[in-house]
Each structure stands twice: as C-alpha cells, then as structure tokens.
Amino acid sequence: MEPVLRRPSYVLLFLVLLPIAFRCSNGEVVTLTADTFTDKVKEKDTVWFVKFCVPWCKYCKKLGTLWEDLGKAVEAEDEIEVGEVDCSLNKAVCTKVDIHSYPTFKIFYDGEEFAKYQGKKDVELLKAFVLKEADKATKSNLEDDQDDL
C-alpha cells in the first residue's frame, strides 16, 4: 500500500516542475553574471536592455516588478532581451560598464553599450525606448554591412 501513497506526490511534483522546465526565455528577465554577461551582450542581432542594481538600494527596491513587467511587455520582440545584473555580486561587470549609481539601465548591441535610459521608470516608456533604440541599432548594423560590400 505504501507505493500507492507515494505516487500522488510524484505526480504533484511533476505538475509543479513542468511549467518551470518548459518556460521559454522570451518574456523573462535573464540574470547576467560575470561569467555570462560578455557572451550574452555579444549575441548576434540581439539588443540587450540591462538593469544594474544592488539589493540594498531603496530606489532599486522601489522598482518592484517593473523590470519583470517590461520583460513580459517585450516578449514578442525576437531581437530584444531583458537582463539584470546584481552589482553587489558582479562588481567586475559593473565596473567594466561604468556603473556608478543605481538603478542604471543600459542597452547593449554587438557587445557594446548603445544607449542609456534616463527617463521615468514606467513600463510603457521603457518599452518605447528599447524599441526605438533597437530599431536604431539594427539599422546602423545594416548600414555597416552595406558599407562592407
């Protein structure tokens, strides 16, 4: 009789873990670290909008779910990824990209800083900014490719 009692717990565990296993990266905020940051922001044809924060910052805490909400708002955009770096754990990354205050929001394209957001902390404004900058980045990349021909 004991195996019958265990089976429901396995089914429940499977049902809980199934959505986690099949989550797609679109719509999520990707946590970037010293080990992953450089490779990720160099991904071909991908614009990265990255939030740099520290856990003790009252302004970072005040953002609440803003960054996650932005990730969901741009999930349909194939060429845009939303990431975050905890500068308390990844000081080398934050030093390398010249982070001096929190939160800081920067766009990277082809491994280079492309733009810095300094407006209001609002999902629609952030989305409009990243869409505009992504368009600029991809157009400048096309122009560079044409110049090479």
C-alpha atoms as a PDB file:
ATOM      1  CA  MET A   1       0.000   0.000   0.000  1.00  0.00           C
ATOM      2  CA  GLU A   2       2.934   2.361   0.574  1.00  0.00           C
ATOM      3  CA  PRO A   3       3.862   2.781  -3.157  1.00  0.00           C
ATOM      4  CA  VAL A   4       0.330   3.916  -3.937  1.00  0.00           C
ATOM      5  CA  LEU A   5       0.644   6.726  -1.389  1.00  0.00           C
ATOM      6  CA  ARG A   6       3.917   7.930  -2.891  1.00  0.00           C
ATOM      7  CA  ARG A   7       2.635   8.109  -6.457  1.00  0.00           C
ATOM      8  CA  PRO A   8       0.421  11.190  -5.973  1.00  0.00           C
ATOM      9  CA  SER A   9       3.374  13.129  -4.539  1.00  0.00           C
ATOM     10  CA  TYR A  10       5.439  12.347  -7.669  1.00  0.00           C
ATOM     11  CA  VAL A  11       2.564  13.446  -9.889  1.00  0.00           C
ATOM     12  CA  LEU A  12       2.209  16.655  -7.887  1.00  0.00           C
ATOM     13  CA  LEU A  13       5.961  17.312  -8.107  1.00  0.00           C
ATOM     14  CA  PHE A  14       5.839  16.687 -11.868  1.00  0.00           C
ATOM     15  CA  LEU A  15       2.933  19.104 -12.288  1.00  0.00           C
ATOM     16  CA  VAL A  16       4.752  21.784 -10.285  1.00  0.00           C
ATOM     17  CA  LEU A  17       8.048  21.404 -12.154  1.00  0.00           C
ATOM     18  CA  LEU A  18       6.617  21.006 -15.665  1.00  0.00           C
ATOM     19  CA  PRO A  19       5.923  24.722 -16.283  1.00  0.00           C
ATOM     20  CA  ILE A  20       9.385  25.616 -14.993  1.00  0.00           C
ATOM     21  CA  ALA A  21      11.064  23.132 -17.318  1.00  0.00           C
ATOM     22  CA  PHE A  22       9.279  24.461 -20.391  1.00  0.00           C
ATOM     23  CA  ARG A  23       9.495  28.192 -19.747  1.00  0.00           C
ATOM     24  CA  CYS A  24      10.869  29.973 -22.770  1.00  0.00           C
ATOM     25  CA  SER A  25      13.425  32.735 -22.415  1.00  0.00           C
ATOM     26  CA  ASN A  26      11.191  35.364 -24.059  1.00  0.00           C
ATOM     27  CA  GLY A  27       9.308  37.408 -21.523  1.00  0.00           C
ATOM     28  CA  GLU A  28      11.743  36.626 -18.769  1.00  0.00           C
ATOM     29  CA  VAL A  29      14.403  38.731 -17.197  1.00  0.00           C
ATOM     30  CA  VAL A  30      17.735  36.987 -17.608  1.00  0.00           C
ATOM     31  CA  THR A  31      20.093  37.227 -14.655  1.00  0.00           C
ATOM     32  CA  LEU A  32      23.516  38.110 -16.006  1.00  0.00           C
ATOM     33  CA  THR A  33      26.707  37.392 -14.076  1.00  0.00           C
ATOM     34  CA  ALA A  34      30.423  37.933 -14.514  1.00  0.00           C
ATOM     35  CA  ASP A  35      30.503  34.535 -16.256  1.00  0.00           C
ATOM     36  CA  THR A  36      27.643  35.240 -18.681  1.00  0.00           C
ATOM     37  CA  PHE A  37      27.439  38.997 -19.253  1.00  0.00           C
ATOM     38  CA  THR A  38      30.012  39.453 -22.028  1.00  0.00           C
ATOM     39  CA  ASP A  39      28.864  36.478 -24.103  1.00  0.00           C
ATOM     40  CA  LYS A  40      25.196  37.404 -23.784  1.00  0.00           C
ATOM     41  CA  VAL A  41      25.539  41.067 -24.776  1.00  0.00           C
ATOM     42  CA  LYS A  42      27.639  39.981 -27.783  1.00  0.00           C
ATOM     43  CA  GLU A  43      24.846  37.741 -29.152  1.00  0.00           C
ATOM     44  CA  LYS A  44      24.409  38.472 -32.841  1.00  0.00           C
ATOM     45  CA  ASP A  45      21.371  40.558 -33.811  1.00  0.00           C
ATOM     46  CA  THR A  46      20.189  40.840 -30.206  1.00  0.00           C
ATOM     47  CA  VAL A  47      19.611  44.037 -28.273  1.00  0.00           C
ATOM     48  CA  TRP A  48      20.054  43.652 -24.515  1.00  0.00           C
ATOM     49  CA  PHE A  49      18.317  46.080 -22.164  1.00  0.00           C
ATOM     50  CA  VAL A  50      20.062  45.596 -18.818  1.00  0.00           C
ATOM     51  CA  LYS A  51      19.203  46.857 -15.345  1.00  0.00           C
ATOM     52  CA  PHE A  52      22.117  47.278 -12.930  1.00  0.00           C
ATOM     53  CA  CYS A  53      21.082  47.245  -9.266  1.00  0.00           C
ATOM     54  CA  VAL A  54      22.113  46.264  -5.759  1.00  0.00           C
ATOM     55  CA  PRO A  55      19.750  44.682  -3.223  1.00  0.00           C
ATOM     56  CA  TRP A  56      20.219  47.378  -0.569  1.00  0.00           C
ATOM     57  CA  CYS A  57      19.311  50.312  -2.852  1.00  0.00           C
ATOM     58  CA  LYS A  58      15.970  51.890  -1.907  1.00  0.00           C
ATOM     59  CA  TYR A  59      15.441  53.099  -5.497  1.00  0.00           C
ATOM     60  CA  CYS A  60      16.019  49.583  -6.847  1.00  0.00           C
ATOM     61  CA  LYS A  61      13.568  48.176  -4.312  1.00  0.00           C
ATOM     62  CA  LYS A  62      11.039  50.839  -5.275  1.00  0.00           C
ATOM     63  CA  LEU A  63      11.018  49.477  -8.858  1.00  0.00           C
ATOM     64  CA  GLY A  64       9.037  46.471  -7.651  1.00  0.00           C
ATOM     65  CA  THR A  65       8.065  44.288 -10.607  1.00  0.00           C
ATOM     66  CA  LEU A  66       8.830  46.958 -13.218  1.00  0.00           C
ATOM     67  CA  TRP A  67      11.647  45.024 -14.871  1.00  0.00           C
ATOM     68  CA  GLU A  68       9.691  41.752 -14.966  1.00  0.00           C
ATOM     69  CA  ASP A  69       6.715  43.650 -16.383  1.00  0.00           C
ATOM     70  CA  LEU A  70       8.998  45.086 -19.083  1.00  0.00           C
ATOM     71  CA  GLY A  71      10.244  41.594 -19.911  1.00  0.00           C
ATOM     72  CA  LYS A  72       6.652  40.489 -20.463  1.00  0.00           C
ATOM     73  CA  ALA A  73       5.859  43.635 -22.459  1.00  0.00           C
ATOM     74  CA  VAL A  74       8.652  42.985 -24.983  1.00  0.00           C
ATOM     75  CA  GLU A  75       8.462  39.192 -25.099  1.00  0.00           C
ATOM     76  CA  ALA A  76       7.083  39.245 -28.656  1.00  0.00           C
ATOM     77  CA  GLU A  77      10.173  41.146 -29.851  1.00  0.00           C
ATOM     78  CA  ASP A  78      12.578  38.462 -31.062  1.00  0.00           C
ATOM     79  CA  GLU A  79      15.629  40.723 -31.160  1.00  0.00           C
ATOM     80  CA  ILE A  80      15.236  42.170 -27.638  1.00  0.00           C
ATOM     81  CA  GLU A  81      16.321  40.535 -24.383  1.00  0.00           C
ATOM     82  CA  VAL A  82      15.863  41.991 -20.916  1.00  0.00           C
ATOM     83  CA  GLY A  83      18.557  41.303 -18.348  1.00  0.00           C
ATOM     84  CA  GLU A  84      19.672  42.336 -14.901  1.00  0.00           C
ATOM     85  CA  VAL A  85      22.968  42.431 -13.047  1.00  0.00           C
ATOM     86  CA  ASP A  86      23.314  42.424  -9.270  1.00  0.00           C
ATOM     87  CA  CYS A  87      26.314  44.707  -8.825  1.00  0.00           C
ATOM     88  CA  SER A  88      26.868  43.530  -5.253  1.00  0.00           C
ATOM     89  CA  LEU A  89      27.700  40.070  -6.638  1.00  0.00           C
ATOM     90  CA  ASN A  90      29.197  41.099 -10.005  1.00  0.00           C
ATOM     91  CA  LYS A  91      31.355  44.135  -9.257  1.00  0.00           C
ATOM     92  CA  ALA A  92      33.717  43.436 -12.160  1.00  0.00           C
ATOM     93  CA  VAL A  93      30.867  43.663 -14.678  1.00  0.00           C
ATOM     94  CA  CYS A  94      29.530  46.888 -13.198  1.00  0.00           C
ATOM     95  CA  THR A  95      32.984  48.452 -13.104  1.00  0.00           C
ATOM     96  CA  LYS A  96      33.652  47.423 -16.712  1.00  0.00           C
ATOM     97  CA  VAL A  97      30.460  49.119 -17.969  1.00  0.00           C
ATOM     98  CA  ASP A  98      30.927  52.205 -15.810  1.00  0.00           C
ATOM     99  CA  ILE A  99      28.065  51.846 -13.315  1.00  0.00           C
ATOM    100  CA  HIS A 100      28.214  54.482 -10.575  1.00  0.00           C
ATOM    101  CA  SER A 101      24.598  54.791  -9.420  1.00  0.00           C
ATOM    102  CA  TYR A 102      21.586  52.534  -9.007  1.00  0.00           C
ATOM    103  CA  PRO A 103      19.448  51.667 -10.727  1.00  0.00           C
ATOM    104  CA  THR A 104      21.111  52.158 -14.100  1.00  0.00           C
ATOM    105  CA  PHE A 105      19.518  50.985 -17.351  1.00  0.00           C
ATOM    106  CA  LYS A 106      21.696  50.424 -20.427  1.00  0.00           C
ATOM    107  CA  ILE A 107      21.211  48.985 -23.886  1.00  0.00           C
ATOM    108  CA  PHE A 108      23.924  46.816 -25.420  1.00  0.00           C
ATOM    109  CA  TYR A 109      24.245  45.705 -29.030  1.00  0.00           C
ATOM    110  CA  ASP A 110      27.049  43.601 -30.508  1.00  0.00           C
ATOM    111  CA  GLY A 111      28.826  43.699 -27.162  1.00  0.00           C
ATOM    112  CA  GLU A 112      28.947  47.490 -26.953  1.00  0.00           C
ATOM    113  CA  GLU A 113      26.947  49.962 -24.917  1.00  0.00           C
ATOM    114  CA  PHE A 114      24.489  51.545 -27.335  1.00  0.00           C
ATOM    115  CA  ALA A 115      22.298  53.765 -25.142  1.00  0.00           C
ATOM    116  CA  LYS A 116      21.490  54.677 -21.547  1.00  0.00           C
ATOM    117  CA  TYR A 117      17.941  55.229 -20.297  1.00  0.00           C
ATOM    118  CA  GLN A 118      17.443  58.206 -18.004  1.00  0.00           C
ATOM    119  CA  GLY A 119      13.677  58.755 -18.144  1.00  0.00           C
ATOM    120  CA  LYS A 120      10.779  57.929 -15.851  1.00  0.00           C
ATOM    121  CA  LYS A 121      10.511  54.399 -14.502  1.00  0.00           C
ATOM    122  CA  ASP A 122       7.399  53.344 -16.435  1.00  0.00           C
ATOM    123  CA  VAL A 123       6.876  50.125 -18.427  1.00  0.00           C
ATOM    124  CA  GLU A 124       5.414  51.844 -21.493  1.00  0.00           C
ATOM    125  CA  LEU A 125       8.178  54.479 -21.586  1.00  0.00           C
ATOM    126  CA  LEU A 126      10.882  51.838 -21.135  1.00  0.00           C
ATOM    127  CA  LYS A 127       9.305  49.701 -23.864  1.00  0.00           C
ATOM    128  CA  ALA A 128       9.093  52.633 -26.276  1.00  0.00           C
ATOM    129  CA  PHE A 129      12.736  53.492 -25.542  1.00  0.00           C
ATOM    130  CA  VAL A 130      14.071  49.984 -26.113  1.00  0.00           C
ATOM    131  CA  LEU A 131      12.019  49.560 -29.305  1.00  0.00           C
ATOM    132  CA  LYS A 132      13.335  52.874 -30.684  1.00  0.00           C
ATOM    133  CA  GLU A 133      16.944  52.070 -29.742  1.00  0.00           C
ATOM    134  CA  ALA A 134      16.671  48.513 -31.092  1.00  0.00           C
ATOM    135  CA  ASP A 135      15.476  49.944 -34.392  1.00  0.00           C
ATOM    136  CA  LYS A 136      18.438  52.357 -34.461  1.00  0.00           C
ATOM    137  CA  ALA A 137      20.895  49.588 -33.567  1.00  0.00           C
ATOM    138  CA  THR A 138      19.705  47.217 -36.255  1.00  0.00           C
ATOM    139  CA  LYS A 139      19.604  49.996 -38.873  1.00  0.00           C
ATOM    140  CA  SER A 140      23.150  51.083 -38.041  1.00  0.00           C
ATOM    141  CA  ASN A 141      24.220  47.444 -38.287  1.00  0.00           C
ATOM    142  CA  LEU A 142      22.604  47.146 -41.743  1.00  0.00           C
ATOM    143  CA  GLU A 143      24.342  50.309 -42.877  1.00  0.00           C
ATOM    144  CA  ASP A 144      27.677  48.963 -41.635  1.00  0.00           C
ATOM    145  CA  ASP A 145      27.059  45.697 -43.505  1.00  0.00           C
ATOM    146  CA  GLN A 146      26.273  47.626 -46.729  1.00  0.00           C
ATOM    147  CA  ASP A 147      29.436  49.705 -46.323  1.00  0.00           C
ATOM    148  CA  ASP A 148      31.427  46.465 -46.193  1.00  0.00           C
ATOM    149  CA  LEU A 149      30.098  45.425 -49.627  1.00  0.00           C
END
